[in-house]
């Protein structure tokens, strides 16, 4: 009689047998959202796989973190290339803030939503319950990973088309504010003679490697606004941005 394997060994084997995957319909939808058909479809699956969807031991091979690293560099090159081509009368000092605005995590998250890819993210049930499909840092990371996947599969030209598609609304808007939302909010309330914003951490959830902070910003007598983020600073920025929208909507 063959002895049964230890429970821990069986658990590792079971985890190894489960690989993140997109069904045929989901794959077709994700490719349509990208505007690109992959030769190596496993690259797209990996780009859309959040670390929570795989074991820690397999994260290096099957999650999107390494692709995110590459995609960040590709994106910076493509945005810099576009700015140099379209903004021929601007100095390096004028181009730099435009570049920073278009490659920051929030811009990547906005592009990811515009492409309609957030519904295809592969992540754990706990991560989904914690709001992972809407978390700015998660969406931004996945967007950079998808750029890298397209670059590896189809080259720089294909990645350029993806960026043009995803960033189209941001390219078509006028120069955006480059200041941090917290700074803009403070300047706005000071100009109106109101007390400075007060930031309060309402909750912290999620595992240590992927925490979720809920922060509320309060301004008397305008009320409050809350938001979540992967760090206190991120959550404060998002809360400040929401408060700015409220205040501007009332003016």
Protein backbone atom coordinates (compact mmCIF):
# COMPACT_ATOMS: atom_id res chain seq x y z
CA UNK A 1 0.00 0.00 0.00
CA UNK A 2 1.38 3.41 -1.04
CA UNK A 3 1.39 5.80 1.92
CA UNK A 4 -0.61 9.01 1.54
CA UNK A 5 1.37 12.17 1.03
CA UNK A 6 1.51 14.60 3.94
CA UNK A 7 -1.27 17.20 3.97
CA UNK A 8 1.11 20.08 3.31
CA UNK A 9 2.54 18.29 0.27
CA UNK A 10 -0.96 17.67 -1.05
CA UNK A 11 -1.83 21.35 -0.59
CA UNK A 12 1.28 22.42 -2.49
CA UNK A 13 0.50 20.00 -5.28
CA UNK A 14 -3.08 21.24 -5.50
CA UNK A 15 -1.94 24.85 -5.64
CA UNK A 16 0.57 23.98 -8.34
CA UNK A 17 -2.11 22.34 -10.44
CA UNK A 18 -4.25 25.50 -10.47
CA UNK A 19 -3.05 28.10 -12.94
CA UNK A 20 -4.72 31.44 -13.61
CA UNK A 21 -6.49 31.27 -16.95
CA UNK A 22 -8.86 33.17 -19.20
CA UNK A 23 -11.59 31.23 -20.99
CA UNK A 24 -11.92 31.60 -24.75
CA UNK A 25 -14.63 34.24 -24.45
CA UNK A 26 -12.74 36.24 -21.84
CA UNK A 27 -9.53 36.01 -23.85
CA UNK A 28 -11.29 37.31 -26.95
CA UNK A 29 -12.81 40.14 -24.90
CA UNK A 30 -9.48 41.10 -23.36
CA UNK A 31 -7.75 41.08 -26.74
CA UNK A 32 -10.52 43.22 -28.21
CA UNK A 33 -10.11 45.67 -25.33
CA UNK A 34 -6.38 45.86 -26.05
CA UNK A 35 -6.94 46.17 -29.78
CA UNK A 36 -4.29 43.50 -30.26
CA UNK A 37 -4.39 39.74 -30.92
CA UNK A 38 -1.67 37.86 -29.07
CA UNK A 39 0.47 35.17 -30.63
CA UNK A 40 1.49 34.03 -27.14
CA UNK A 41 -1.73 34.35 -25.16
CA UNK A 42 -0.03 33.30 -21.94
CA UNK A 43 1.60 36.74 -21.86
CA UNK A 44 -1.80 38.42 -21.60
CA UNK A 45 -2.92 35.98 -18.91
CA UNK A 46 0.19 36.72 -16.89
CA UNK A 47 -0.23 40.48 -17.33
CA UNK A 48 -3.75 40.26 -15.92
CA UNK A 49 -2.82 38.01 -12.99
CA UNK A 50 -2.63 39.78 -9.65
CA UNK A 51 -0.18 38.24 -7.13
CA UNK A 52 -3.12 37.25 -4.93
CA UNK A 53 -4.27 34.76 -7.58
CA UNK A 54 -1.21 32.54 -7.20
CA UNK A 55 0.86 31.17 -4.37
CA UNK A 56 3.84 33.17 -3.12
CA UNK A 57 6.18 30.52 -4.53
CA UNK A 58 4.70 30.93 -8.02
CA UNK A 59 4.27 34.68 -8.02
CA UNK A 60 7.57 35.30 -9.78
CA UNK A 61 6.57 33.16 -12.77
CA UNK A 62 2.82 33.62 -13.03
CA UNK A 63 1.91 37.03 -11.57
CA UNK A 64 2.33 40.35 -13.35
CA UNK A 65 4.97 42.08 -11.21
CA UNK A 66 7.96 41.52 -13.52
CA UNK A 67 5.90 42.56 -16.55
CA UNK A 68 4.85 45.67 -14.65
CA UNK A 69 8.53 46.55 -14.18
CA UNK A 70 9.16 46.30 -17.92
CA UNK A 71 5.92 48.01 -18.91
CA UNK A 72 6.74 51.04 -16.79
CA UNK A 73 9.93 51.56 -18.81
CA UNK A 74 8.20 51.02 -22.15
CA UNK A 75 5.45 53.47 -21.22
CA UNK A 76 7.93 56.15 -20.19
CA UNK A 77 9.73 55.76 -23.53
CA UNK A 78 6.51 55.94 -25.56
CA UNK A 79 5.11 58.94 -23.72
CA UNK A 80 8.45 60.77 -23.91
CA UNK A 81 8.63 59.96 -27.62
CA UNK A 82 5.13 61.34 -28.18
CA UNK A 83 5.81 64.52 -26.21
CA UNK A 84 9.02 65.18 -28.13
CA UNK A 85 7.10 64.76 -31.40
CA UNK A 86 4.00 66.78 -30.46
CA UNK A 87 5.50 69.48 -28.22
CA UNK A 88 8.39 70.72 -30.33
CA UNK A 89 8.49 74.21 -28.84
CA UNK A 90 8.63 73.15 -25.20
CA UNK A 91 11.75 72.89 -23.05
CA UNK A 92 12.78 69.88 -20.97
CA UNK A 93 11.46 71.69 -17.91
CA UNK A 94 8.04 72.03 -19.56
CA UNK A 95 7.98 68.47 -20.87
CA UNK A 96 8.93 66.81 -17.59
CA UNK A 97 5.69 67.55 -15.67
CA UNK A 98 3.63 66.44 -18.66
CA UNK A 99 5.54 63.15 -18.72
CA UNK A 100 5.13 62.68 -14.97
CA UNK A 101 1.39 63.31 -15.21
CA UNK A 102 0.88 60.79 -18.01
CA UNK A 103 2.95 57.94 -16.56
CA UNK A 104 1.88 58.15 -12.90
CA UNK A 105 -0.13 55.28 -11.44
CA UNK A 106 -3.39 57.20 -11.59
CA UNK A 107 -2.98 57.86 -15.31
CA UNK A 108 -2.27 54.17 -15.90
CA UNK A 109 -5.35 53.19 -13.90
CA UNK A 110 -7.46 55.64 -15.89
CA UNK A 111 -6.16 54.16 -19.16
CA UNK A 112 -6.85 50.63 -17.91
CA UNK A 113 -10.46 51.57 -17.14
CA UNK A 114 -10.82 53.33 -20.49
CA UNK A 115 -9.68 50.17 -22.26
CA UNK A 116 -12.22 48.17 -20.27
CA UNK A 117 -9.70 45.67 -18.93
CA UNK A 118 -10.45 45.81 -15.20
CA UNK A 119 -13.18 43.18 -15.53
CA UNK A 120 -10.61 40.67 -16.82
CA UNK A 121 -8.23 40.91 -13.85
CA UNK A 122 -7.46 37.57 -12.23
CA UNK A 123 -7.26 37.84 -8.44
CA UNK A 124 -8.31 36.08 -5.29
CA UNK A 125 -11.84 36.34 -3.91
CA UNK A 126 -10.47 38.14 -0.86
CA UNK A 127 -8.74 40.70 -3.05
CA UNK A 128 -11.93 41.29 -5.03
CA UNK A 129 -13.91 41.68 -1.80
CA UNK A 130 -11.35 44.25 -0.60
CA UNK A 131 -12.01 46.37 -3.70
CA UNK A 132 -9.05 45.18 -5.75
CA UNK A 133 -10.78 45.68 -9.09
CA UNK A 134 -11.06 49.40 -8.40
CA UNK A 135 -7.82 50.03 -6.53
CA UNK A 136 -5.75 52.59 -8.39
CA UNK A 137 -2.40 50.95 -7.69
CA UNK A 138 -3.65 47.52 -8.80
CA UNK A 139 -5.13 48.82 -12.04
CA UNK A 140 -2.05 50.91 -12.76
CA UNK A 141 0.26 47.95 -12.22
CA UNK A 142 -1.85 45.73 -14.46
CA UNK A 143 -1.91 48.39 -17.18
CA UNK A 144 1.88 48.57 -17.20
CA UNK A 145 2.03 44.76 -17.30
CA UNK A 146 -0.30 44.64 -20.32
CA UNK A 147 1.88 47.20 -22.12
CA UNK A 148 4.88 44.94 -21.49
CA UNK A 149 2.98 41.87 -22.71
CA UNK A 150 2.03 43.61 -25.96
CA UNK A 151 5.60 44.88 -26.36
CA UNK A 152 7.09 41.40 -25.90
CA UNK A 153 4.57 39.80 -28.23
CA UNK A 154 4.31 42.41 -30.96
CA UNK A 155 7.11 44.93 -30.54
CA UNK A 156 7.26 48.64 -29.85
CA UNK A 157 4.82 49.55 -32.63
CA UNK A 158 2.08 47.38 -31.14
CA UNK A 159 2.73 48.80 -27.66
CA UNK A 160 2.55 52.32 -29.11
CA UNK A 161 -0.91 51.61 -30.57
CA UNK A 162 -2.10 50.30 -27.20
CA UNK A 163 -0.89 53.43 -25.42
CA UNK A 164 -2.50 55.68 -28.04
CA UNK A 165 -5.80 53.86 -27.50
CA UNK A 166 -5.67 53.72 -23.73
CA UNK A 167 -4.44 57.26 -23.18
CA UNK A 168 -6.60 58.92 -25.87
CA UNK A 169 -8.87 60.78 -23.41
CA UNK A 170 -5.85 62.05 -21.48
CA UNK A 171 -4.04 63.07 -24.66
CA UNK A 172 -7.12 64.96 -25.85
CA UNK A 173 -7.59 67.02 -22.69
CA UNK A 174 -5.82 70.27 -22.00
CA UNK A 175 -2.87 70.53 -19.66
CA UNK A 176 -3.90 69.01 -16.36
CA UNK A 177 -3.01 70.18 -12.93
CA UNK A 178 0.34 68.77 -11.91
CA UNK A 179 0.03 69.51 -8.21
CA UNK A 180 -0.89 66.81 -5.73
CA UNK A 181 -4.65 66.80 -4.89
CA UNK A 182 -3.82 67.38 -1.21
CA UNK A 183 -1.90 70.54 -2.10
CA UNK A 184 -4.69 71.77 -4.37
CA UNK A 185 -7.30 71.13 -1.68
CA UNK A 186 -5.28 72.97 0.96
CA UNK A 187 -4.78 75.96 -1.34
CA UNK A 188 -8.49 76.03 -2.19
CA UNK A 189 -9.74 76.03 1.43
CA UNK A 190 -7.08 78.52 2.52
CA UNK A 191 -8.18 80.83 -0.26
CA UNK A 192 -11.76 80.64 1.03
CA UNK A 193 -10.74 81.17 4.65
CA UNK A 194 -11.76 77.71 5.88
CA UNK A 195 -9.89 75.40 8.29
CA UNK A 196 -7.20 73.12 6.88
CA UNK A 197 -8.27 69.61 5.80
CA UNK A 198 -8.16 66.91 8.48
CA UNK A 199 -7.30 63.36 7.37
CA UNK A 200 -8.50 60.41 9.46
CA UNK A 201 -7.71 56.73 8.86
CA UNK A 202 -11.10 55.01 9.19
CA UNK A 203 -10.00 51.44 8.50
CA UNK A 204 -7.12 49.21 7.46
CA UNK A 205 -7.79 45.83 5.90
CA UNK A 206 -6.12 43.25 3.69
CA UNK A 207 -2.92 41.25 4.19
CA UNK A 208 0.38 42.88 5.06
CA UNK A 209 1.68 42.53 1.49
CA UNK A 210 -1.41 44.25 0.03
CA UNK A 211 -3.00 46.52 2.65
CA UNK A 212 -6.07 48.65 1.98
CA UNK A 213 -6.45 51.93 3.83
CA UNK A 214 -9.71 53.86 4.08
CA UNK A 215 -9.15 57.54 4.77
CA UNK A 216 -11.67 60.32 5.30
CA UNK A 217 -10.89 63.98 4.76
CA UNK A 218 -12.93 66.51 6.73
CA UNK A 219 -13.36 70.21 6.10
CA UNK A 220 -15.73 72.28 8.21
CA UNK A 221 -18.31 73.32 7.15
CA UNK A 222 -18.14 71.38 3.85
CA UNK A 223 -18.48 67.88 5.27
CA UNK A 224 -16.24 65.00 4.34
CA UNK A 225 -15.14 62.62 1.59
CA UNK A 226 -13.63 59.13 1.86
CA UNK A 227 -11.51 56.94 -0.35
CA UNK A 228 -9.32 53.83 -0.23
CA UNK A 229 -5.75 53.21 -1.31
CA UNK A 230 -2.84 50.82 -1.02
CA UNK A 231 -1.12 53.25 1.35
CA UNK A 232 -2.26 56.03 3.66
CA UNK A 233 -0.79 58.58 1.28
CA UNK A 234 -2.59 57.09 -1.72
CA UNK A 235 -5.89 57.00 0.18
CA UNK A 236 -5.40 60.60 1.35
CA UNK A 237 -4.74 61.73 -2.22
CA UNK A 238 -7.87 59.97 -3.49
CA UNK A 239 -9.97 61.42 -0.67
CA UNK A 240 -8.60 64.90 -1.39
CA UNK A 241 -9.43 64.49 -5.09
CA UNK A 242 -13.02 63.56 -4.22
CA UNK A 243 -13.32 66.49 -1.85
CA UNK A 244 -12.06 68.80 -4.58
CA UNK A 245 -14.79 67.51 -6.91
CA UNK A 246 -17.41 68.17 -4.24
CA UNK A 247 -16.18 71.69 -3.55
CA UNK A 248 -15.87 72.60 -7.21
CA UNK A 249 -19.30 71.19 -7.90
CA UNK A 250 -20.73 73.59 -5.34
CA UNK A 251 -19.07 76.66 -6.76
